Amino acid sequence: MAKIIDKLLGGSSRNTVSVEEFPEIDLSKYEEVMEEEPAETYIRIAEISNTNQVSTLKQEIYNGNILMIDISNIKGDEFLRDRVLKELKDVVLDVHGDIAGVKGNMVIVTPTGIKIDRSKLIGGRY
């Protein structure tokens, strides 16, 4: 009986799938810019490696843009990481935006009027 259940449910023996079995998806065709017209808010991708870069990031928030910041370069330096995140949090408090960590190495920072929903949307449901 246990063997039948294992066969039906996969049991303890799992089939491994290699990366080569999945097709490569070319996302470049979806990254085309439709028109070169200005937007009110941009989503900017950034990375930070020192405190000199914080002023540029803060200005982006004051300009109303959303930042996705890669902090992997400063993650190992606790003092630097805490200082940078504190400065970003101060800007967020000043403009009534939001800040949240995403997947360990990414931080998303939003300007006035945009909040981050921390619940996960899976298949159209929370």
PDB file of N, CA and C in Angstrom:
ATOM      1  N   MET A   1       0.825  -1.195   0.000  1.00  0.00           N
ATOM      2  CA  MET A   1       0.000   0.000   0.000  1.00  0.00           C
ATOM      3  C   MET A   1       0.869   1.259   0.000  1.00  0.00           C
ATOM      4  N   ALA A   2       1.941   1.221   0.796  1.00  0.00           N
ATOM      5  CA  ALA A   2       2.828   2.377   0.873  1.00  0.00           C
ATOM      6  C   ALA A   2       3.479   2.664  -0.470  1.00  0.00           C
ATOM      7  N   LYS A   3       3.820   1.602  -1.219  1.00  0.00           N
ATOM      8  CA  LYS A   3       4.439   1.789  -2.527  1.00  0.00           C
ATOM      9  C   LYS A   3       3.478   2.459  -3.501  1.00  0.00           C
ATOM     10  N   ILE A   4       2.201   2.120  -3.414  1.00  0.00           N
ATOM     11  CA  ILE A   4       1.203   2.725  -4.297  1.00  0.00           C
ATOM     12  C   ILE A   4       1.061   4.208  -3.973  1.00  0.00           C
ATOM     13  N   ILE A   5       0.984   4.525  -2.694  1.00  0.00           N
ATOM     14  CA  ILE A   5       0.861   5.927  -2.281  1.00  0.00           C
ATOM     15  C   ILE A   5       2.104   6.701  -2.694  1.00  0.00           C
ATOM     16  N   ASP A   6       3.290   6.099  -2.510  1.00  0.00           N
ATOM     17  CA  ASP A   6       4.533   6.746  -2.930  1.00  0.00           C
ATOM     18  C   ASP A   6       4.539   7.013  -4.433  1.00  0.00           C
ATOM     19  N   LYS A   7       4.034   6.060  -5.210  1.00  0.00           N
ATOM     20  CA  LYS A   7       3.989   6.239  -6.662  1.00  0.00           C
ATOM     21  C   LYS A   7       3.040   7.370  -7.041  1.00  0.00           C
ATOM     22  N   LEU A   8       1.880   7.402  -6.401  1.00  0.00           N
ATOM     23  CA  LEU A   8       0.892   8.428  -6.714  1.00  0.00           C
ATOM     24  C   LEU A   8       1.338   9.820  -6.272  1.00  0.00           C
ATOM     25  N   LEU A   9       1.893   9.916  -5.083  1.00  0.00           N
ATOM     26  CA  LEU A   9       2.250  11.215  -4.525  1.00  0.00           C
ATOM     27  C   LEU A   9       3.712  11.583  -4.709  1.00  0.00           C
ATOM     28  N   GLY A  10       4.456  10.726  -5.303  1.00  0.00           N
ATOM     29  CA  GLY A  10       5.860  11.023  -5.516  1.00  0.00           C
ATOM     30  C   GLY A  10       6.738  10.476  -4.432  1.00  0.00           C
ATOM     31  N   GLY A  11       6.200  10.197  -3.282  1.00  0.00           N
ATOM     32  CA  GLY A  11       6.913   9.572  -2.169  1.00  0.00           C
ATOM     33  C   GLY A  11       8.223  10.225  -1.848  1.00  0.00           C
ATOM     34  N   SER A  12       9.138   9.444  -1.327  1.00  0.00           N
ATOM     35  CA  SER A  12      10.423   9.971  -0.924  1.00  0.00           C
ATOM     36  C   SER A  12      11.394  10.047  -2.087  1.00  0.00           C
ATOM     37  N   SER A  13      11.113   9.319  -3.156  1.00  0.00           N
ATOM     38  CA  SER A  13      12.012   9.392  -4.306  1.00  0.00           C
ATOM     39  C   SER A  13      11.515  10.488  -5.247  1.00  0.00           C
ATOM     40  N   ARG A  14      12.353  11.511  -5.407  1.00  0.00           N
ATOM     41  CA  ARG A  14      11.961  12.635  -6.254  1.00  0.00           C
ATOM     42  C   ARG A  14      12.722  12.561  -7.563  1.00  0.00           C
ATOM     43  N   ASN A  15      12.049  12.887  -8.617  1.00  0.00           N
ATOM     44  CA  ASN A  15      12.719  12.979  -9.908  1.00  0.00           C
ATOM     45  C   ASN A  15      13.422  14.317  -9.973  1.00  0.00           C
ATOM     46  N   THR A  16      14.660  14.327 -10.364  1.00  0.00           N
ATOM     47  CA  THR A  16      15.385  15.585 -10.500  1.00  0.00           C
ATOM     48  C   THR A  16      15.267  16.070 -11.928  1.00  0.00           C
ATOM     49  N   VAL A  17      15.182  17.375 -12.070  1.00  0.00           N
ATOM     50  CA  VAL A  17      15.053  17.999 -13.372  1.00  0.00           C
ATOM     51  C   VAL A  17      16.260  18.903 -13.549  1.00  0.00           C
ATOM     52  N   SER A  18      16.935  18.767 -14.645  1.00  0.00           N
ATOM     53  CA  SER A  18      18.111  19.603 -14.873  1.00  0.00           C
ATOM     54  C   SER A  18      17.691  20.939 -15.471  1.00  0.00           C
ATOM     55  N   VAL A  19      18.557  21.921 -15.297  1.00  0.00           N
ATOM     56  CA  VAL A  19      18.299  23.259 -15.810  1.00  0.00           C
ATOM     57  C   VAL A  19      18.161  23.248 -17.330  1.00  0.00           C
ATOM     58  N   GLU A  20      18.868  22.362 -17.999  1.00  0.00           N
ATOM     59  CA  GLU A  20      18.836  22.291 -19.454  1.00  0.00           C
ATOM     60  C   GLU A  20      17.452  21.929 -19.999  1.00  0.00           C
ATOM     61  N   GLU A  21      16.603  21.309 -19.184  1.00  0.00           N
ATOM     62  CA  GLU A  21      15.281  20.900 -19.644  1.00  0.00           C
ATOM     63  C   GLU A  21      14.314  22.071 -19.759  1.00  0.00           C
ATOM     64  N   PHE A  22      14.645  23.206 -19.145  1.00  0.00           N
ATOM     65  CA  PHE A  22      13.779  24.372 -19.213  1.00  0.00           C
ATOM     66  C   PHE A  22      14.245  25.290 -20.329  1.00  0.00           C
ATOM     67  N   PRO A  23      13.331  25.777 -21.162  1.00  0.00           N
ATOM     68  CA  PRO A  23      13.736  26.663 -22.252  1.00  0.00           C
ATOM     69  C   PRO A  23      14.165  28.035 -21.712  1.00  0.00           C
ATOM     70  N   GLU A  24      15.127  28.640 -22.371  1.00  0.00           N
ATOM     71  CA  GLU A  24      15.570  29.987 -22.012  1.00  0.00           C
ATOM     72  C   GLU A  24      14.517  30.974 -22.508  1.00  0.00           C
ATOM     73  N   ILE A  25      14.145  31.909 -21.668  1.00  0.00           N
ATOM     74  CA  ILE A  25      13.135  32.901 -22.042  1.00  0.00           C
ATOM     75  C   ILE A  25      13.851  34.203 -22.355  1.00  0.00           C
ATOM     76  N   ASP A  26      13.626  34.721 -23.546  1.00  0.00           N
ATOM     77  CA  ASP A  26      14.217  35.984 -23.960  1.00  0.00           C
ATOM     78  C   ASP A  26      13.251  37.108 -23.591  1.00  0.00           C
ATOM     79  N   LEU A  27      13.579  37.839 -22.530  1.00  0.00           N
ATOM     80  CA  LEU A  27      12.701  38.907 -22.057  1.00  0.00           C
ATOM     81  C   LEU A  27      12.959  40.231 -22.761  1.00  0.00           C
ATOM     82  N   SER A  28      13.965  40.318 -23.599  1.00  0.00           N
ATOM     83  CA  SER A  28      14.314  41.586 -24.248  1.00  0.00           C
ATOM     84  C   SER A  28      13.167  42.129 -25.098  1.00  0.00           C
ATOM     85  N   LYS A  29      12.375  41.251 -25.699  1.00  0.00           N
ATOM     86  CA  LYS A  29      11.266  41.750 -26.529  1.00  0.00           C
ATOM     87  C   LYS A  29      10.173  42.404 -25.680  1.00  0.00           C
ATOM     88  N   TYR A  30      10.168  42.142 -24.376  1.00  0.00           N
ATOM     89  CA  TYR A  30       9.178  42.750 -23.495  1.00  0.00           C
ATOM     90  C   TYR A  30       9.698  44.027 -22.850  1.00  0.00           C
ATOM     91  N   GLU A  31      10.968  44.326 -23.058  1.00  0.00           N
ATOM     92  CA  GLU A  31      11.585  45.487 -22.431  1.00  0.00           C
ATOM     93  C   GLU A  31      11.623  46.707 -23.342  1.00  0.00           C
ATOM     94  N   GLU A  32      10.986  46.618 -24.484  1.00  0.00           N
ATOM     95  CA  GLU A  32      10.975  47.733 -25.414  1.00  0.00           C
ATOM     96  C   GLU A  32      10.252  48.926 -24.803  1.00  0.00           C
ATOM     97  N   VAL A  33      10.778  50.109 -25.055  1.00  0.00           N
ATOM     98  CA  VAL A  33      10.110  51.338 -24.628  1.00  0.00           C
ATOM     99  C   VAL A  33       9.122  51.701 -25.723  1.00  0.00           C
ATOM    100  N   MET A  34       7.872  51.846 -25.349  1.00  0.00           N
ATOM    101  CA  MET A  34       6.838  52.104 -26.342  1.00  0.00           C
ATOM    102  C   MET A  34       7.002  53.492 -26.963  1.00  0.00           C
ATOM    103  N   GLU A  35       7.144  54.494 -26.131  1.00  0.00           N
ATOM    104  CA  GLU A  35       7.315  55.855 -26.608  1.00  0.00           C
ATOM    105  C   GLU A  35       8.235  56.579 -25.646  1.00  0.00           C
ATOM    106  N   GLU A  36       8.935  57.554 -26.143  1.00  0.00           N
ATOM    107  CA  GLU A  36       9.828  58.353 -25.303  1.00  0.00           C
ATOM    108  C   GLU A  36       9.075  59.562 -24.767  1.00  0.00           C
ATOM    109  N   GLU A  37       8.117  59.328 -23.912  1.00  0.00           N
ATOM    110  CA  GLU A  37       7.408  60.448 -23.303  1.00  0.00           C
ATOM    111  C   GLU A  37       7.698  60.439 -21.812  1.00  0.00           C
ATOM    112  N   PRO A  38       7.759  61.605 -21.209  1.00  0.00           N
ATOM    113  CA  PRO A  38       8.094  61.671 -19.779  1.00  0.00           C
ATOM    114  C   PRO A  38       6.987  61.060 -18.915  1.00  0.00           C
ATOM    115  N   ALA A  39       7.398  60.551 -17.779  1.00  0.00           N
ATOM    116  CA  ALA A  39       6.445  59.968 -16.836  1.00  0.00           C
ATOM    117  C   ALA A  39       6.506  60.760 -15.534  1.00  0.00           C
ATOM    118  N   GLU A  40       5.446  60.680 -14.775  1.00  0.00           N
ATOM    119  CA  GLU A  40       5.401  61.350 -13.475  1.00  0.00           C
ATOM    120  C   GLU A  40       6.289  60.624 -12.464  1.00  0.00           C
ATOM    121  N   THR A  41       6.299  59.290 -12.533  1.00  0.00           N
ATOM    122  CA  THR A  41       7.090  58.473 -11.618  1.00  0.00           C
ATOM    123  C   THR A  41       7.841  57.422 -12.413  1.00  0.00           C
ATOM    124  N   TYR A  42       9.104  57.249 -12.052  1.00  0.00           N
ATOM    125  CA  TYR A  42       9.931  56.216 -12.661  1.00  0.00           C
ATOM    126  C   TYR A  42      10.291  55.184 -11.602  1.00  0.00           C
ATOM    127  N   ILE A  43      10.481  53.955 -12.021  1.00  0.00           N
ATOM    128  CA  ILE A  43      11.064  52.928 -11.161  1.00  0.00           C
ATOM    129  C   ILE A  43      12.526  52.844 -11.571  1.00  0.00           C
ATOM    130  N   ARG A  44      13.394  53.195 -10.643  1.00  0.00           N
ATOM    131  CA  ARG A  44      14.831  53.223 -10.925  1.00  0.00           C
ATOM    132  C   ARG A  44      15.505  52.043 -10.231  1.00  0.00           C
ATOM    133  N   ILE A  45      16.421  51.397 -10.938  1.00  0.00           N
ATOM    134  CA  ILE A  45      17.206  50.306 -10.387  1.00  0.00           C
ATOM    135  C   ILE A  45      18.555  50.890  -9.999  1.00  0.00           C
ATOM    136  N   ALA A  46      18.994  50.617  -8.772  1.00  0.00           N
ATOM    137  CA  ALA A  46      20.253  51.183  -8.291  1.00  0.00           C
ATOM    138  C   ALA A  46      21.012  50.145  -7.486  1.00  0.00           C
ATOM    139  N   GLU A  47      22.296  50.410  -7.317  1.00  0.00           N
ATOM    140  CA  GLU A  47      23.084  49.630  -6.379  1.00  0.00           C
ATOM    141  C   GLU A  47      23.929  50.614  -5.600  1.00  0.00           C
ATOM    142  N   ILE A  48      24.261  50.224  -4.391  1.00  0.00           N
ATOM    143  CA  ILE A  48      25.012  51.126  -3.535  1.00  0.00           C
ATOM    144  C   ILE A  48      26.229  50.406  -2.982  1.00  0.00           C
ATOM    145  N   SER A  49      27.337  51.131  -2.946  1.00  0.00           N
ATOM    146  CA  SER A  49      28.560  50.536  -2.409  1.00  0.00           C
ATOM    147  C   SER A  49      29.267  51.456  -1.414  1.00  0.00           C
ATOM    148  N   ASN A  50      28.802  52.731  -1.310  1.00  0.00           N
ATOM    149  CA  ASN A  50      29.386  53.639  -0.313  1.00  0.00           C
ATOM    150  C   ASN A  50      28.408  54.761   0.025  1.00  0.00           C
ATOM    151  N   THR A  51      28.726  55.516   1.059  1.00  0.00           N
ATOM    152  CA  THR A  51      27.814  56.563   1.530  1.00  0.00           C
ATOM    153  C   THR A  51      27.728  57.744   0.581  1.00  0.00           C
ATOM    154  N   ASN A  52      28.705  57.917  -0.300  1.00  0.00           N
ATOM    155  CA  ASN A  52      28.668  59.040  -1.250  1.00  0.00           C
ATOM    156  C   ASN A  52      27.500  58.925  -2.220  1.00  0.00           C
ATOM    157  N   GLN A  53      26.978  57.738  -2.403  1.00  0.00           N
ATOM    158  CA  GLN A  53      25.884  57.505  -3.352  1.00  0.00           C
ATOM    159  C   GLN A  53      24.506  57.763  -2.739  1.00  0.00           C
ATOM    160  N   VAL A  54      24.440  57.923  -1.428  1.00  0.00           N
ATOM    161  CA  VAL A  54      23.155  58.076  -0.750  1.00  0.00           C
ATOM    162  C   VAL A  54      22.444  59.357  -1.171  1.00  0.00           C
ATOM    163  N   SER A  55      23.178  60.444  -1.359  1.00  0.00           N
ATOM    164  CA  SER A  55      22.533  61.716  -1.713  1.00  0.00           C
ATOM    165  C   SER A  55      21.801  61.614  -3.050  1.00  0.00           C
ATOM    166  N   THR A  56      22.370  60.888  -4.008  1.00  0.00           N
ATOM    167  CA  THR A  56      21.710  60.694  -5.303  1.00  0.00           C
ATOM    168  C   THR A  56      20.426  59.896  -5.132  1.00  0.00           C
ATOM    169  N   LEU A  57      20.477  58.848  -4.307  1.00  0.00           N
ATOM    170  CA  LEU A  57      19.287  58.027  -4.065  1.00  0.00           C
ATOM    171  C   LEU A  57      18.207  58.838  -3.354  1.00  0.00           C
ATOM    172  N   LYS A  58      18.618  59.641  -2.387  1.00  0.00           N
ATOM    173  CA  LYS A  58      17.653  60.484  -1.664  1.00  0.00           C
ATOM    174  C   LYS A  58      16.980  61.467  -2.615  1.00  0.00           C
ATOM    175  N   GLN A  59      17.756  62.045  -3.523  1.00  0.00           N
ATOM    176  CA  GLN A  59      17.186  62.988  -4.490  1.00  0.00           C
ATOM    177  C   GLN A  59      16.154  62.316  -5.385  1.00  0.00           C
ATOM    178  N   GLU A  60      16.406  61.073  -5.770  1.00  0.00           N
ATOM    179  CA  GLU A  60      15.436  60.327  -6.580  1.00  0.00           C
ATOM    180  C   GLU A  60      14.108  60.175  -5.835  1.00  0.00           C
ATOM    181  N   ILE A  61      14.179  59.888  -4.542  1.00  0.00           N
ATOM    182  CA  ILE A  61      12.954  59.757  -3.731  1.00  0.00           C
ATOM    183  C   ILE A  61      12.239  61.094  -3.636  1.00  0.00           C
ATOM    184  N   TYR A  62      12.993  62.171  -3.373  1.00  0.00           N
ATOM    185  CA  TYR A  62      12.379  63.507  -3.325  1.00  0.00           C
ATOM    186  C   TYR A  62      11.766  63.890  -4.668  1.00  0.00           C
ATOM    187  N   ASN A  63      12.316  63.366  -5.766  1.00  0.00           N
ATOM    188  CA  ASN A  63      11.762  63.629  -7.099  1.00  0.00           C
ATOM    189  C   ASN A  63      10.527  62.782  -7.395  1.00  0.00           C
ATOM    190  N   GLY A  64      10.165  61.875  -6.474  1.00  0.00           N
ATOM    191  CA  GLY A  64       8.950  61.080  -6.643  1.00  0.00           C
ATOM    192  C   GLY A  64       9.144  59.745  -7.322  1.00  0.00           C
ATOM    193  N   ASN A  65      10.376  59.277  -7.411  1.00  0.00           N
ATOM    194  CA  ASN A  65      10.642  58.007  -8.077  1.00  0.00           C
ATOM    195  C   ASN A  65      10.714  56.851  -7.087  1.00  0.00           C
ATOM    196  N   ILE A  66      10.471  55.656  -7.580  1.00  0.00           N
ATOM    197  CA  ILE A  66      10.561  54.429  -6.800  1.00  0.00           C
ATOM    198  C   ILE A  66      11.935  53.825  -7.068  1.00  0.00           C
ATOM    199  N   LEU A  67      12.620  53.402  -6.007  1.00  0.00           N
ATOM    200  CA  LEU A  67      13.948  52.817  -6.160  1.00  0.00           C
ATOM    201  C   LEU A  67      13.957  51.360  -5.753  1.00  0.00           C
ATOM    202  N   MET A  68      14.609  50.550  -6.560  1.00  0.00           N
ATOM    203  CA  MET A  68      14.931  49.174  -6.194  1.00  0.00           C
ATOM    204  C   MET A  68      16.442  49.162  -6.063  1.00  0.00           C
ATOM    205  N   ILE A  69      16.931  49.042  -4.828  1.00  0.00           N
ATOM    206  CA  ILE A  69      18.348  49.209  -4.542  1.00  0.00           C
ATOM    207  C   ILE A  69      18.973  47.875  -4.154  1.00  0.00           C
ATOM    208  N   ASP A  70      20.027  47.517  -4.869  1.00  0.00           N
ATOM    209  CA  ASP A  70      20.814  46.329  -4.560  1.00  0.00           C
ATOM    210  C   ASP A  70      21.830  46.732  -3.487  1.00  0.00           C
ATOM    211  N   ILE A  71      21.706  46.136  -2.294  1.00  0.00           N
ATOM    212  CA  ILE A  71      22.614  46.477  -1.193  1.00  0.00           C
ATOM    213  C   ILE A  71      23.652  45.385  -0.954  1.00  0.00           C
ATOM    214  N   SER A  72      23.812  44.472  -1.902  1.00  0.00           N
ATOM    215  CA  SER A  72      24.735  43.350  -1.699  1.00  0.00           C
ATOM    216  C   SER A  72      26.179  43.808  -1.489  1.00  0.00           C
ATOM    217  N   ASN A  73      26.574  44.947  -2.070  1.00  0.00           N
ATOM    218  CA  ASN A  73      27.937  45.448  -1.901  1.00  0.00           C
ATOM    219  C   ASN A  73      28.227  45.948  -0.486  1.00  0.00           C
ATOM    220  N   ILE A  74      27.198  46.310   0.261  1.00  0.00           N
ATOM    221  CA  ILE A  74      27.399  46.835   1.623  1.00  0.00           C
ATOM    222  C   ILE A  74      26.843  45.908   2.697  1.00  0.00           C
ATOM    223  N   LYS A  75      26.274  44.803   2.284  1.00  0.00           N
ATOM    224  CA  LYS A  75      25.617  43.906   3.239  1.00  0.00           C
ATOM    225  C   LYS A  75      26.575  43.373   4.300  1.00  0.00           C
ATOM    226  N   GLY A  76      27.833  43.150   3.945  1.00  0.00           N
ATOM    227  CA  GLY A  76      28.804  42.605   4.886  1.00  0.00           C
ATOM    228  C   GLY A  76      29.331  43.619   5.892  1.00  0.00           C
ATOM    229  N   ASP A  77      29.177  44.920   5.608  1.00  0.00           N
ATOM    230  CA  ASP A  77      29.645  45.978   6.510  1.00  0.00           C
ATOM    231  C   ASP A  77      28.446  46.496   7.307  1.00  0.00           C
ATOM    232  N   GLU A  78      28.267  45.954   8.493  1.00  0.00           N
ATOM    233  CA  GLU A  78      27.081  46.263   9.302  1.00  0.00           C
ATOM    234  C   GLU A  78      26.931  47.762   9.568  1.00  0.00           C
ATOM    235  N   PHE A  79      28.042  48.447   9.885  1.00  0.00           N
ATOM    236  CA  PHE A  79      27.986  49.878  10.176  1.00  0.00           C
ATOM    237  C   PHE A  79      27.529  50.663   8.947  1.00  0.00           C
ATOM    238  N   LEU A  80      28.136  50.391   7.801  1.00  0.00           N
ATOM    239  CA  LEU A  80      27.779  51.095   6.568  1.00  0.00           C
ATOM    240  C   LEU A  80      26.347  50.786   6.153  1.00  0.00           C
ATOM    241  N   ARG A  81      25.973  49.517   6.210  1.00  0.00           N
ATOM    242  CA  ARG A  81      24.608  49.116   5.840  1.00  0.00           C
ATOM    243  C   ARG A  81      23.572  49.820   6.715  1.00  0.00           C
ATOM    244  N   ASP A  82      23.800  49.818   8.031  1.00  0.00           N
ATOM    245  CA  ASP A  82      22.849  50.449   8.936  1.00  0.00           C
ATOM    246  C   ASP A  82      22.761  51.956   8.705  1.00  0.00           C
ATOM    247  N   ARG A  83      23.900  52.572   8.414  1.00  0.00           N
ATOM    248  CA  ARG A  83      23.915  54.016   8.167  1.00  0.00           C
ATOM    249  C   ARG A  83      23.126  54.359   6.903  1.00  0.00           C
ATOM    250  N   VAL A  84      23.372  53.608   5.829  1.00  0.00           N
ATOM    251  CA  VAL A  84      22.675  53.851   4.565  1.00  0.00           C
ATOM    252  C   VAL A  84      21.179  53.630   4.730  1.00  0.00           C
ATOM    253  N   LEU A  85      20.790  52.531   5.352  1.00  0.00           N
ATOM    254  CA  LEU A  85      19.367  52.243   5.533  1.00  0.00           C
ATOM    255  C   LEU A  85      18.692  53.262   6.436  1.00  0.00           C
ATOM    256  N   LYS A  86      19.401  53.766   7.442  1.00  0.00           N
ATOM    257  CA  LYS A  86      18.836  54.806   8.311  1.00  0.00           C
ATOM    258  C   LYS A  86      18.592  56.086   7.525  1.00  0.00           C
ATOM    259  N   GLU A  87      19.551  56.461   6.689  1.00  0.00           N
ATOM    260  CA  GLU A  87      19.377  57.671   5.877  1.00  0.00           C
ATOM    261  C   GLU A  87      18.210  57.523   4.906  1.00  0.00           C
ATOM    262  N   LEU A  88      18.067  56.361   4.314  1.00  0.00           N
ATOM    263  CA  LEU A  88      16.939  56.125   3.411  1.00  0.00           C
ATOM    264  C   LEU A  88      15.622  56.141   4.173  1.00  0.00           C
ATOM    265  N   LYS A  89      15.622  55.557   5.365  1.00  0.00           N
ATOM    266  CA  LYS A  89      14.402  55.546   6.174  1.00  0.00           C
ATOM    267  C   LYS A  89      14.016  56.958   6.591  1.00  0.00           C
ATOM    268  N   ASP A  90      15.010  57.805   6.896  1.00  0.00           N
ATOM    269  CA  ASP A  90      14.721  59.199   7.246  1.00  0.00           C
ATOM    270  C   ASP A  90      14.039  59.938   6.098  1.00  0.00           C
ATOM    271  N   VAL A  91      14.495  59.682   4.859  1.00  0.00           N
ATOM    272  CA  VAL A  91      13.872  60.300   3.689  1.00  0.00           C
ATOM    273  C   VAL A  91      12.439  59.810   3.544  1.00  0.00           C
ATOM    274  N   VAL A  92      12.243  58.508   3.722  1.00  0.00           N
ATOM    275  CA  VAL A  92      10.906  57.916   3.618  1.00  0.00           C
ATOM    276  C   VAL A  92       9.958  58.539   4.635  1.00  0.00           C
ATOM    277  N   LEU A  93      10.434  58.720   5.867  1.00  0.00           N
ATOM    278  CA  LEU A  93       9.602  59.363   6.889  1.00  0.00           C
ATOM    279  C   LEU A  93       9.292  60.804   6.504  1.00  0.00           C
ATOM    280  N   ASP A  94      10.260  61.492   5.932  1.00  0.00           N
ATOM    281  CA  ASP A  94      10.090  62.879   5.532  1.00  0.00           C
ATOM    282  C   ASP A  94       9.044  63.040   4.436  1.00  0.00           C
ATOM    283  N   VAL A  95       9.038  62.123   3.468  1.00  0.00           N
ATOM    284  CA  VAL A  95       8.102  62.252   2.341  1.00  0.00           C
ATOM    285  C   VAL A  95       6.846  61.396   2.507  1.00  0.00           C
ATOM    286  N   HIS A  96       6.751  60.664   3.616  1.00  0.00           N
ATOM    287  CA  HIS A  96       5.610  59.762   3.875  1.00  0.00           C
ATOM    288  C   HIS A  96       5.528  58.669   2.815  1.00  0.00           C
ATOM    289  N   GLY A  97       6.689  58.100   2.473  1.00  0.00           N
ATOM    290  CA  GLY A  97       6.755  56.994   1.527  1.00  0.00           C
ATOM    291  C   GLY A  97       6.828  55.678   2.284  1.00  0.00           C
ATOM    292  N   ASP A  98       7.614  54.738   1.766  1.00  0.00           N
ATOM    293  CA  ASP A  98       7.732  53.431   2.398  1.00  0.00           C
ATOM    294  C   ASP A  98       9.071  52.811   2.014  1.00  0.00           C
ATOM    295  N   ILE A  99       9.528  51.860   2.822  1.00  0.00           N
ATOM    296  CA  ILE A  99      10.768  51.144   2.551  1.00  0.00           C
ATOM    297  C   ILE A  99      10.597  49.707   3.034  1.00  0.00           C
ATOM    298  N   ALA A 100      11.099  48.756   2.241  1.00  0.00           N
ATOM    299  CA  ALA A 100      11.003  47.344   2.622  1.00  0.00           C
ATOM    300  C   ALA A 100      12.125  46.556   1.967  1.00  0.00           C
ATOM    301  N   GLY A 101      12.572  45.527   2.667  1.00  0.00           N
ATOM    302  CA  GLY A 101      13.563  44.616   2.119  1.00  0.00           C
ATOM    303  C   GLY A 101      12.889  43.583   1.247  1.00  0.00           C
ATOM    304  N   VAL A 102      13.576  43.210   0.161  1.00  0.00           N
ATOM    305  CA  VAL A 102      13.055  42.211  -0.760  1.00  0.00           C
ATOM    306  C   VAL A 102      14.162  41.199  -1.031  1.00  0.00           C
ATOM    307  N   LYS A 103      13.957  39.942  -0.686  1.00  0.00           N
ATOM    308  CA  LYS A 103      14.885  38.856  -0.993  1.00  0.00           C
ATOM    309  C   LYS A 103      16.305  39.072  -0.468  1.00  0.00           C
ATOM    310  N   GLY A 104      16.489  39.679   0.658  1.00  0.00           N
ATOM    311  CA  GLY A 104      17.794  39.749   1.290  1.00  0.00           C
ATOM    312  C   GLY A 104      18.747  40.806   0.783  1.00  0.00           C
ATOM    313  N   ASN A 105      18.918  40.952  -0.527  1.00  0.00           N
ATOM    314  CA  ASN A 105      19.875  41.908  -1.070  1.00  0.00           C
ATOM    315  C   ASN A 105      19.237  43.120  -1.724  1.00  0.00           C
ATOM    316  N   MET A 106      17.924  43.161  -1.765  1.00  0.00           N
ATOM    317  CA  MET A 106      17.235  44.270  -2.419  1.00  0.00           C
ATOM    318  C   MET A 106      16.375  45.027  -1.414  1.00  0.00           C
ATOM    319  N   VAL A 107      16.337  46.339  -1.595  1.00  0.00           N
ATOM    320  CA  VAL A 107      15.481  47.203  -0.795  1.00  0.00           C
ATOM    321  C   VAL A 107      14.666  48.023  -1.785  1.00  0.00           C
ATOM    322  N   ILE A 108      13.377  48.132  -1.532  1.00  0.00           N
ATOM    323  CA  ILE A 108      12.533  48.982  -2.372  1.00  0.00           C
ATOM    324  C   ILE A 108      12.133  50.196  -1.534  1.00  0.00           C
ATOM    325  N   VAL A 109      12.250  51.371  -2.141  1.00  0.00           N
ATOM    326  CA  VAL A 109      11.952  52.627  -1.456  1.00  0.00           C
ATOM    327  C   VAL A 109      10.962  53.390  -2.322  1.00  0.00           C
ATOM    328  N   THR A 110       9.876  53.858  -1.707  1.00  0.00           N
ATOM    329  CA  THR A 110       8.836  54.556  -2.455  1.00  0.00           C
ATOM    330  C   THR A 110       8.653  55.982  -1.952  1.00  0.00           C
ATOM    331  N   PRO A 111       8.190  56.863  -2.828  1.00  0.00           N
ATOM    332  CA  PRO A 111       7.970  58.261  -2.458  1.00  0.00           C
ATOM    333  C   PRO A 111       6.574  58.486  -1.866  1.00  0.00           C
ATOM    334  N   THR A 112       6.218  59.726  -1.732  1.00  0.00           N
ATOM    335  CA  THR A 112       4.921  60.152  -1.213  1.00  0.00           C
ATOM    336  C   THR A 112       3.776  59.441  -1.920  1.00  0.00           C
ATOM    337  N   GLY A 113       2.836  58.943  -1.124  1.00  0.00           N
ATOM    338  CA  GLY A 113       1.615  58.380  -1.679  1.00  0.00           C
ATOM    339  C   GLY A 113       1.706  56.944  -2.164  1.00  0.00           C
ATOM    340  N   ILE A 114       2.865  56.316  -2.044  1.00  0.00           N
ATOM    341  CA  ILE A 114       2.990  54.928  -2.492  1.00  0.00           C
ATOM    342  C   ILE A 114       3.459  54.083  -1.320  1.00  0.00           C
ATOM    343  N   LYS A 115       2.658  53.092  -0.968  1.00  0.00           N
ATOM    344  CA  LYS A 115       2.988  52.183   0.122  1.00  0.00           C
ATOM    345  C   LYS A 115       3.254  50.792  -0.442  1.00  0.00           C
ATOM    346  N   ILE A 116       4.024  50.014   0.286  1.00  0.00           N
ATOM    347  CA  ILE A 116       4.386  48.670  -0.122  1.00  0.00           C
ATOM    348  C   ILE A 116       3.489  47.677   0.617  1.00  0.00           C
ATOM    349  N   ASP A 117       2.762  46.866  -0.133  1.00  0.00           N
ATOM    350  CA  ASP A 117       1.925  45.819   0.451  1.00  0.00           C
ATOM    351  C   ASP A 117       2.842  44.630   0.734  1.00  0.00           C
ATOM    352  N   ARG A 118       2.962  44.257   1.982  1.00  0.00           N
ATOM    353  CA  ARG A 118       3.896  43.212   2.370  1.00  0.00           C
ATOM    354  C   ARG A 118       3.311  41.803   2.289  1.00  0.00           C
ATOM    355  N   SER A 119       2.056  41.682   1.890  1.00  0.00           N
ATOM    356  CA  SER A 119       1.501  40.343   1.691  1.00  0.00           C
ATOM    357  C   SER A 119       1.868  39.876   0.289  1.00  0.00           C
ATOM    358  N   LYS A 120       1.968  38.570   0.132  1.00  0.00           N
ATOM    359  CA  LYS A 120       2.404  37.999  -1.136  1.00  0.00           C
ATOM    360  C   LYS A 120       1.200  37.626  -1.982  1.00  0.00           C
ATOM    361  N   LEU A 121       1.200  38.053  -3.220  1.00  0.00           N
ATOM    362  CA  LEU A 121       0.139  37.743  -4.168  1.00  0.00           C
ATOM    363  C   LEU A 121       0.569  36.504  -4.950  1.00  0.00           C
ATOM    364  N   ILE A 122      -0.182  35.423  -4.787  1.00  0.00           N
ATOM    365  CA  ILE A 122       0.162  34.160  -5.444  1.00  0.00           C
ATOM    366  C   ILE A 122      -1.029  33.725  -6.278  1.00  0.00           C
ATOM    367  N   GLY A 123      -0.836  33.651  -7.578  1.00  0.00           N
ATOM    368  CA  GLY A 123      -1.897  33.172  -8.459  1.00  0.00           C
ATOM    369  C   GLY A 123      -3.180  33.968  -8.363  1.00  0.00           C
ATOM    370  N   GLY A 124      -3.070  35.270  -8.142  1.00  0.00           N
ATOM    371  CA  GLY A 124      -4.247  36.118  -8.061  1.00  0.00           C
ATOM    372  C   GLY A 124      -4.890  36.170  -6.689  1.00  0.00           C
ATOM    373  N   ARG A 125      -4.297  35.456  -5.710  1.00  0.00           N
ATOM    374  CA  ARG A 125      -4.831  35.480  -4.337  1.00  0.00           C
ATOM    375  C   ARG A 125      -3.726  35.862  -3.374  1.00  0.00           C
ATOM    376  N   TYR A 126      -4.136  36.397  -2.239  1.00  0.00           N
ATOM    377  CA  TYR A 126      -3.180  36.746  -1.175  1.00  0.00           C
ATOM    378  C   TYR A 126      -2.995  35.582  -0.241  1.00  0.00           C
TER     379      TYR A 126
END
